[in-house]
């Protein structure tokens, strides 16, 4: 699922999060050094690092939130994981902000309190980072698929009229390629096979993976998350772990135009 916040196919959020991770972790390290050495320099640097961490975290959150809204498949295990990932990161930001406010506004601020807050923040940062890695490595959020002859990620937004919609851009599809079509809140995959076209729901019934990001071979689409396979003409399950099939939609090719029937 190609990221909505990307540059030439490279997702911005995973690149930007390295900065707040580094700054917040270094904040704890410098405060620990200041605690054991008694040198104010380390604690002063920690303040600078907290500010840098907060600013960079807010910047990284923007493409992350965009991906949460528009890239992560809806009603999926990935969506739930992304929500937890975002909530934990907000908690991290609030903890380090609280540490900054406390040490700035309290003349006799306790280093024990500061270190306790920052340690909790770093622990949560590790947990959020683990979830973020799972979203990329397992759920493939932000991954720009280019396996074999699958071509570049194709995604269009169309409006239906009288229960049907003309599929714009279908002519760019080669055999074995797919495109994700958004129609009135539905996510539908249009695929080109050796003997024509097929249309089916993008939602894998197992864990909600995006089938448009999977592989299409000989009339069978495979979910990229856990490998469930479906026959694109009938929607029937060919291989699990999914136990139920997927909805399919009739297509009609007329006068060089490809029409998809929703009703």
Foldseek 3Di string as FASTA:
>chain_A
DAAPCADPLFQDLVVLLVLLLVLLVQLLVLLVVCVVVVDVVSNVVSLVSLVRNLVSLVVSVVSLVSLLVPFQFPQFPLNVLSVVLVVLSVVLSVLSVVLNCQVVVPPPRDSVVSSVSSVVSSVSVVVSVVSVVCCCPQLVGNHFDDPDPQDGAAEDEWEDDPQKTWDPPPVVADAFYWYWYHYPNFTKIWHAHPVGIWIWGLAQPPGGHGQNRFTDDPQWTFGRRPTWIARRHCQQTPDDPGDGGTGIWDWDQDPNIIMTGRD
